[in-house]
């Protein structure tokens, strides 16, 4: 069974930074597209950032220039560096692994709260 375990969430003041980590197991990590999604209270889950096996990146417009996704294939880990955080970034952040075009695994989520 694929496992995705997120860590690094917490409470931070506006303008601060956090780094999320997601450790993946039981997948061929180096060839897997990894991503981060988030869901704020009362809102739909939305894409934050994606990184392909080849290193191609995609970001939501709302986080461009502030967030950076990266991966370490030797550690089976994907990261999300979040800078200049805003209260509207408050959400549960989920790590994803796209095993194929139709199969996506989700982590359990980590809470990020940004106070104003």
C-alpha atoms as a PDB file:
ATOM      1  CA  UNK A   1       0.000   0.000   0.000  1.00  0.00           C
ATOM      2  CA  UNK A   2       1.317   3.395  -1.021  1.00  0.00           C
ATOM      3  CA  UNK A   3       1.968   5.707   1.912  1.00  0.00           C
ATOM      4  CA  UNK A   4       2.380   9.467   1.839  1.00  0.00           C
ATOM      5  CA  UNK A   5       3.210  11.109   5.147  1.00  0.00           C
ATOM      6  CA  UNK A   6       3.200  14.890   5.365  1.00  0.00           C
ATOM      7  CA  UNK A   7       4.917  16.954   8.024  1.00  0.00           C
ATOM      8  CA  UNK A   8       5.917  20.545   8.696  1.00  0.00           C
ATOM      9  CA  UNK A   9       2.564  22.227   9.090  1.00  0.00           C
ATOM     10  CA  UNK A  10       1.765  24.571  11.934  1.00  0.00           C
ATOM     11  CA  UNK A  11       0.859  28.082  12.984  1.00  0.00           C
ATOM     12  CA  UNK A  12       2.779  31.023  11.568  1.00  0.00           C
ATOM     13  CA  UNK A  13       2.286  34.761  11.368  1.00  0.00           C
ATOM     14  CA  UNK A  14       1.576  36.483   8.083  1.00  0.00           C
ATOM     15  CA  UNK A  15       4.796  37.083   6.193  1.00  0.00           C
ATOM     16  CA  UNK A  16       6.430  34.030   7.725  1.00  0.00           C
ATOM     17  CA  UNK A  17       7.636  30.793   6.178  1.00  0.00           C
ATOM     18  CA  UNK A  18       7.043  27.075   6.522  1.00  0.00           C
ATOM     19  CA  UNK A  19       8.441  24.041   4.736  1.00  0.00           C
ATOM     20  CA  UNK A  20       6.238  21.033   4.227  1.00  0.00           C
ATOM     21  CA  UNK A  21       7.687  17.594   3.605  1.00  0.00           C
ATOM     22  CA  UNK A  22       6.083  14.458   2.236  1.00  0.00           C
ATOM     23  CA  UNK A  23       7.776  11.093   2.587  1.00  0.00           C
ATOM     24  CA  UNK A  24       6.553   8.533   0.096  1.00  0.00           C
ATOM     25  CA  UNK A  25       6.885   4.786   0.421  1.00  0.00           C
ATOM     26  CA  UNK A  26       6.021   1.760  -1.680  1.00  0.00           C
ATOM     27  CA  UNK A  27       6.163   3.653  -4.954  1.00  0.00           C
ATOM     28  CA  UNK A  28       8.779   4.115  -7.656  1.00  0.00           C
ATOM     29  CA  UNK A  29       9.292   7.662  -6.494  1.00  0.00           C
ATOM     30  CA  UNK A  30      11.755   8.842  -9.118  1.00  0.00           C
ATOM     31  CA  UNK A  31       9.285   8.313 -11.981  1.00  0.00           C
ATOM     32  CA  UNK A  32       6.209   9.617 -10.143  1.00  0.00           C
ATOM     33  CA  UNK A  33       4.645  13.043 -10.526  1.00  0.00           C
ATOM     34  CA  UNK A  34       4.256  14.518  -7.055  1.00  0.00           C
ATOM     35  CA  UNK A  35       2.065  17.390  -5.978  1.00  0.00           C
ATOM     36  CA  UNK A  36       0.602  19.498  -3.231  1.00  0.00           C
ATOM     37  CA  UNK A  37      -3.058  20.415  -2.947  1.00  0.00           C
ATOM     38  CA  UNK A  38      -4.876  22.346  -0.264  1.00  0.00           C
ATOM     39  CA  UNK A  39      -8.376  22.727   1.070  1.00  0.00           C
ATOM     40  CA  UNK A  40      -9.543  25.697   3.092  1.00  0.00           C
ATOM     41  CA  UNK A  41     -12.699  25.542   5.251  1.00  0.00           C
ATOM     42  CA  UNK A  42     -15.796  25.780   3.105  1.00  0.00           C
ATOM     43  CA  UNK A  43     -13.819  25.695  -0.128  1.00  0.00           C
ATOM     44  CA  UNK A  44     -12.978  23.092  -2.731  1.00  0.00           C
ATOM     45  CA  UNK A  45      -9.648  21.356  -2.769  1.00  0.00           C
ATOM     46  CA  UNK A  46      -7.258  23.120  -5.152  1.00  0.00           C
ATOM     47  CA  UNK A  47      -3.915  22.497  -6.776  1.00  0.00           C
ATOM     48  CA  UNK A  48      -0.965  24.297  -5.208  1.00  0.00           C
ATOM     49  CA  UNK A  49       2.045  22.912  -7.061  1.00  0.00           C
ATOM     50  CA  UNK A  50       3.176  19.901  -9.062  1.00  0.00           C
ATOM     51  CA  UNK A  51       6.596  18.529  -9.976  1.00  0.00           C
ATOM     52  CA  UNK A  52       7.019  15.831 -12.612  1.00  0.00           C
ATOM     53  CA  UNK A  53       9.667  13.121 -12.666  1.00  0.00           C
ATOM     54  CA  UNK A  54      11.565  15.241 -15.169  1.00  0.00           C
ATOM     55  CA  UNK A  55      11.463  18.279 -12.906  1.00  0.00           C
ATOM     56  CA  UNK A  56       8.793  20.229 -14.750  1.00  0.00           C
ATOM     57  CA  UNK A  57       6.949  22.549 -12.378  1.00  0.00           C
ATOM     58  CA  UNK A  58       3.436  23.935 -12.265  1.00  0.00           C
ATOM     59  CA  UNK A  59       2.040  26.382  -9.698  1.00  0.00           C
ATOM     60  CA  UNK A  60      -1.299  27.909  -8.877  1.00  0.00           C
ATOM     61  CA  UNK A  61      -1.311  31.599  -9.756  1.00  0.00           C
ATOM     62  CA  UNK A  62      -2.032  32.471  -6.140  1.00  0.00           C
ATOM     63  CA  UNK A  63       1.288  31.024  -4.934  1.00  0.00           C
ATOM     64  CA  UNK A  64       3.656  31.842  -7.810  1.00  0.00           C
ATOM     65  CA  UNK A  65       6.726  33.669  -6.586  1.00  0.00           C
ATOM     66  CA  UNK A  66       6.072  32.668  -2.971  1.00  0.00           C
ATOM     67  CA  UNK A  67       6.010  28.850  -2.925  1.00  0.00           C
ATOM     68  CA  UNK A  68       8.606  26.434  -4.292  1.00  0.00           C
ATOM     69  CA  UNK A  69       8.099  22.721  -4.857  1.00  0.00           C
ATOM     70  CA  UNK A  70      11.120  20.430  -5.001  1.00  0.00           C
ATOM     71  CA  UNK A  71      11.964  16.769  -4.705  1.00  0.00           C
ATOM     72  CA  UNK A  72      14.777  14.594  -3.428  1.00  0.00           C
ATOM     73  CA  UNK A  73      14.600  11.241  -5.177  1.00  0.00           C
ATOM     74  CA  UNK A  74      17.260   9.744  -2.916  1.00  0.00           C
ATOM     75  CA  UNK A  75      15.022  10.416   0.083  1.00  0.00           C
ATOM     76  CA  UNK A  76      11.668   9.693  -1.585  1.00  0.00           C
ATOM     77  CA  UNK A  77      10.573  13.100  -0.392  1.00  0.00           C
ATOM     78  CA  UNK A  78       8.832  16.084  -1.942  1.00  0.00           C
ATOM     79  CA  UNK A  79       8.938  19.515  -0.332  1.00  0.00           C
ATOM     80  CA  UNK A  80       6.900  22.684  -0.436  1.00  0.00           C
ATOM     81  CA  UNK A  81       8.746  25.780   0.695  1.00  0.00           C
ATOM     82  CA  UNK A  82       6.200  28.465   1.524  1.00  0.00           C
ATOM     83  CA  UNK A  83       7.372  32.051   1.962  1.00  0.00           C
ATOM     84  CA  UNK A  84       5.523  35.326   2.474  1.00  0.00           C
ATOM     85  CA  UNK A  85       2.566  33.428   3.836  1.00  0.00           C
ATOM     86  CA  UNK A  86      -0.837  35.102   3.883  1.00  0.00           C
ATOM     87  CA  UNK A  87      -3.939  34.372   5.964  1.00  0.00           C
ATOM     88  CA  UNK A  88      -5.620  33.116   2.798  1.00  0.00           C
ATOM     89  CA  UNK A  89      -3.007  30.346   2.618  1.00  0.00           C
ATOM     90  CA  UNK A  90      -4.621  28.788   5.690  1.00  0.00           C
ATOM     91  CA  UNK A  91      -5.743  25.282   4.735  1.00  0.00           C
ATOM     92  CA  UNK A  92      -5.075  21.595   5.095  1.00  0.00           C
ATOM     93  CA  UNK A  93      -2.260  20.736   2.695  1.00  0.00           C
ATOM     94  CA  UNK A  94      -2.202  17.335   1.025  1.00  0.00           C
ATOM     95  CA  UNK A  95       0.618  15.541  -0.731  1.00  0.00           C
ATOM     96  CA  UNK A  96      -0.244  13.556  -3.866  1.00  0.00           C
ATOM     97  CA  UNK A  97       1.423  10.905  -5.982  1.00  0.00           C
ATOM     98  CA  UNK A  98       0.223  10.218  -9.527  1.00  0.00           C
ATOM     99  CA  UNK A  99       0.924   6.559 -10.148  1.00  0.00           C
ATOM    100  CA  UNK A 100      -0.744   6.742 -13.548  1.00  0.00           C
ATOM    101  CA  UNK A 101      -3.113   9.008 -15.464  1.00  0.00           C
ATOM    102  CA  UNK A 102      -6.021   7.586 -13.482  1.00  0.00           C
ATOM    103  CA  UNK A 103      -4.529   6.709 -10.112  1.00  0.00           C
ATOM    104  CA  UNK A 104      -3.656   9.372  -7.571  1.00  0.00           C
ATOM    105  CA  UNK A 105      -2.756   8.703  -3.973  1.00  0.00           C
ATOM    106  CA  UNK A 106      -3.307  11.247  -1.203  1.00  0.00           C
ATOM    107  CA  UNK A 107      -1.623  11.823   2.110  1.00  0.00           C
ATOM    108  CA  UNK A 108      -3.553  12.432   5.289  1.00  0.00           C
ATOM    109  CA  UNK A 109      -2.948  16.185   5.207  1.00  0.00           C
ATOM    110  CA  UNK A 110      -1.199  18.695   7.414  1.00  0.00           C
ATOM    111  CA  UNK A 111      -2.750  21.874   8.778  1.00  0.00           C
ATOM    112  CA  UNK A 112      -1.233  25.237   7.928  1.00  0.00           C
ATOM    113  CA  UNK A 113      -2.627  28.242   9.764  1.00  0.00           C
ATOM    114  CA  UNK A 114      -1.487  31.776   8.993  1.00  0.00           C
ATOM    115  CA  UNK A 115      -2.477  34.446  11.494  1.00  0.00           C
ATOM    116  CA  UNK A 116      -2.882  38.083  10.527  1.00  0.00           C
END
